[in-house]
Amino acid sequence: MLERLYRTIAARAGTIGSDGESYTRRLLADRNLRLKKLGEECAELLTACADGNRERAVAEGADLVYHALVALRAVGASLEDVCEELARREKP
C-alpha cells in the first residue's frame, strides 16, 4: 500500500488537476505549505493519541504518512530510501 501511495504521489507531482493543479503538486511547489501541513498532521496525530481516540488516530496517521512521503519526495528521497534505512537499523 505504501509503495502504491508513493507511486501515486510521484505521478501526481507532474499532473494538473481539474482545479488547475493537484494538491500534491501544490505541496511540492510550496515549501512553507508542505512543512506547515506536515507539522499540523503530527500535532493532530499526537492529540488523537493523547485523547485515546483510535479512529481519529488512524485517520491522522494516514494523513501524516501521506504528508511525510510528499516531504521526502521534495528533498529527493524515496520510500525505498526509508526502507533501506530501516533495514540498516534492524538488529540481526
C-alpha atoms as a PDB file:
ATOM      1  CA  MET A   1       0.000   0.000   0.000  1.00  0.00           C
ATOM      2  CA  LEU A   2       2.771   2.468   0.879  1.00  0.00           C
ATOM      3  CA  GLU A   3       4.552   1.784  -2.390  1.00  0.00           C
ATOM      4  CA  ARG A   4       1.313   2.391  -4.288  1.00  0.00           C
ATOM      5  CA  LEU A   5       0.801   5.659  -2.381  1.00  0.00           C
ATOM      6  CA  TYR A   6       4.347   6.765  -3.190  1.00  0.00           C
ATOM      7  CA  ARG A   7       3.832   5.960  -6.895  1.00  0.00           C
ATOM      8  CA  THR A   8       0.607   7.987  -6.827  1.00  0.00           C
ATOM      9  CA  ILE A   9       2.449  10.935  -5.258  1.00  0.00           C
ATOM     10  CA  ALA A  10       5.130  10.682  -7.955  1.00  0.00           C
ATOM     11  CA  ALA A  11       2.506  10.562 -10.693  1.00  0.00           C
ATOM     12  CA  ARG A  12       0.515  13.485  -9.303  1.00  0.00           C
ATOM     13  CA  ALA A  13       3.646  15.566  -8.891  1.00  0.00           C
ATOM     14  CA  GLY A  14       3.564  16.160 -12.619  1.00  0.00           C
ATOM     15  CA  THR A  15      -0.177  16.314 -13.222  1.00  0.00           C
ATOM     16  CA  ILE A  16      -2.704  19.083 -13.410  1.00  0.00           C
ATOM     17  CA  GLY A  17      -5.993  18.523 -11.608  1.00  0.00           C
ATOM     18  CA  SER A  18      -9.443  19.739 -12.580  1.00  0.00           C
ATOM     19  CA  ASP A  19      -8.937  22.828 -10.429  1.00  0.00           C
ATOM     20  CA  GLY A  20      -5.714  23.637 -12.273  1.00  0.00           C
ATOM     21  CA  GLU A  21      -3.221  21.871 -10.046  1.00  0.00           C
ATOM     22  CA  SER A  22      -3.100  18.763  -7.892  1.00  0.00           C
ATOM     23  CA  TYR A  23      -2.825  19.125  -4.108  1.00  0.00           C
ATOM     24  CA  THR A  24       0.345  17.032  -4.172  1.00  0.00           C
ATOM     25  CA  ARG A  25       1.889  19.304  -6.762  1.00  0.00           C
ATOM     26  CA  ARG A  26       0.964  22.376  -4.704  1.00  0.00           C
ATOM     27  CA  LEU A  27       2.656  20.846  -1.671  1.00  0.00           C
ATOM     28  CA  LEU A  28       5.785  20.017  -3.652  1.00  0.00           C
ATOM     29  CA  ALA A  29       5.957  23.532  -5.073  1.00  0.00           C
ATOM     30  CA  ASP A  30       5.441  25.361  -1.784  1.00  0.00           C
ATOM     31  CA  ARG A  31       7.975  24.551   0.934  1.00  0.00           C
ATOM     32  CA  ASN A  32       6.149  26.529   3.620  1.00  0.00           C
ATOM     33  CA  LEU A  33       2.776  24.900   2.872  1.00  0.00           C
ATOM     34  CA  ARG A  34       4.403  21.458   2.811  1.00  0.00           C
ATOM     35  CA  LEU A  35       6.126  21.932   6.165  1.00  0.00           C
ATOM     36  CA  LYS A  36       3.036  23.542   7.731  1.00  0.00           C
ATOM     37  CA  LYS A  37       0.852  20.603   6.709  1.00  0.00           C
ATOM     38  CA  LEU A  38       3.422  18.082   7.944  1.00  0.00           C
ATOM     39  CA  GLY A  39       3.518  19.817  11.324  1.00  0.00           C
ATOM     40  CA  GLU A  40      -0.278  20.036  11.503  1.00  0.00           C
ATOM     41  CA  GLU A  41      -0.666  16.335  10.808  1.00  0.00           C
ATOM     42  CA  CYS A  42       1.924  15.495  13.502  1.00  0.00           C
ATOM     43  CA  ALA A  43       0.055  17.612  16.030  1.00  0.00           C
ATOM     44  CA  GLU A  44      -3.316  16.128  15.063  1.00  0.00           C
ATOM     45  CA  LEU A  45      -1.988  12.582  15.457  1.00  0.00           C
ATOM     46  CA  LEU A  46      -0.459  13.465  18.824  1.00  0.00           C
ATOM     47  CA  THR A  47      -3.751  14.929  20.008  1.00  0.00           C
ATOM     48  CA  ALA A  48      -5.762  11.924  18.833  1.00  0.00           C
ATOM     49  CA  CYS A  49      -3.360   9.557  20.608  1.00  0.00           C
ATOM     50  CA  ALA A  50      -3.395  11.648  23.783  1.00  0.00           C
ATOM     51  CA  ASP A  51      -7.200  11.584  23.704  1.00  0.00           C
ATOM     52  CA  GLY A  52      -7.213   7.810  23.189  1.00  0.00           C
ATOM     53  CA  ASN A  53      -9.277   8.249  20.040  1.00  0.00           C
ATOM     54  CA  ARG A  54      -8.328   5.224  17.927  1.00  0.00           C
ATOM     55  CA  GLU A  55     -10.452   6.090  14.883  1.00  0.00           C
ATOM     56  CA  ARG A  56      -9.133   9.629  14.664  1.00  0.00           C
ATOM     57  CA  ALA A  57      -5.555   8.451  15.319  1.00  0.00           C
ATOM     58  CA  VAL A  58      -5.777   6.041  12.393  1.00  0.00           C
ATOM     59  CA  ALA A  59      -7.093   8.786  10.081  1.00  0.00           C
ATOM     60  CA  GLU A  60      -4.485  11.288  11.237  1.00  0.00           C
ATOM     61  CA  GLY A  61      -1.777   8.636  10.939  1.00  0.00           C
ATOM     62  CA  ALA A  62      -2.757   8.094   7.318  1.00  0.00           C
ATOM     63  CA  ASP A  63      -2.621  11.853   6.704  1.00  0.00           C
ATOM     64  CA  LEU A  64       0.807  12.026   8.338  1.00  0.00           C
ATOM     65  CA  VAL A  65       2.178   9.177   6.211  1.00  0.00           C
ATOM     66  CA  TYR A  66       0.968  10.917   3.037  1.00  0.00           C
ATOM     67  CA  HIS A  67       2.499  14.260   4.025  1.00  0.00           C
ATOM     68  CA  ALA A  68       5.753  12.599   5.117  1.00  0.00           C
ATOM     69  CA  LEU A  69       6.063  10.864   1.738  1.00  0.00           C
ATOM     70  CA  VAL A  70       5.442  14.156  -0.058  1.00  0.00           C
ATOM     71  CA  ALA A  71       8.096  15.841   2.099  1.00  0.00           C
ATOM     72  CA  LEU A  72      10.566  13.044   1.363  1.00  0.00           C
ATOM     73  CA  ARG A  73       9.956  13.369  -2.365  1.00  0.00           C
ATOM     74  CA  ALA A  74      10.534  17.124  -2.142  1.00  0.00           C
ATOM     75  CA  VAL A  75      14.079  16.530  -0.861  1.00  0.00           C
ATOM     76  CA  GLY A  76      14.816  13.792  -3.385  1.00  0.00           C
ATOM     77  CA  ALA A  77      14.310  10.874  -1.010  1.00  0.00           C
ATOM     78  CA  SER A  78      12.009   7.931  -1.603  1.00  0.00           C
ATOM     79  CA  LEU A  79      10.063   5.327   0.289  1.00  0.00           C
ATOM     80  CA  GLU A  80      12.748   2.862  -0.785  1.00  0.00           C
ATOM     81  CA  ASP A  81      15.388   5.055   0.881  1.00  0.00           C
ATOM     82  CA  VAL A  82      13.419   4.945   4.137  1.00  0.00           C
ATOM     83  CA  CYS A  83      13.009   1.170   3.888  1.00  0.00           C
ATOM     84  CA  GLU A  84      16.744   0.776   3.311  1.00  0.00           C
ATOM     85  CA  GLU A  85      17.464   2.920   6.372  1.00  0.00           C
ATOM     86  CA  LEU A  86      15.083   0.825   8.475  1.00  0.00           C
ATOM     87  CA  ALA A  87      16.726  -2.368   7.227  1.00  0.00           C
ATOM     88  CA  ARG A  88      20.144  -0.937   8.102  1.00  0.00           C
ATOM     89  CA  ARG A  89      18.921  -0.300  11.659  1.00  0.00           C
ATOM     90  CA  GLU A  90      17.399  -3.744  12.042  1.00  0.00           C
ATOM     91  CA  LYS A  91      19.276  -5.893  14.511  1.00  0.00           C
ATOM     92  CA  PRO A  92      20.174  -9.434  13.447  1.00  0.00           C
END
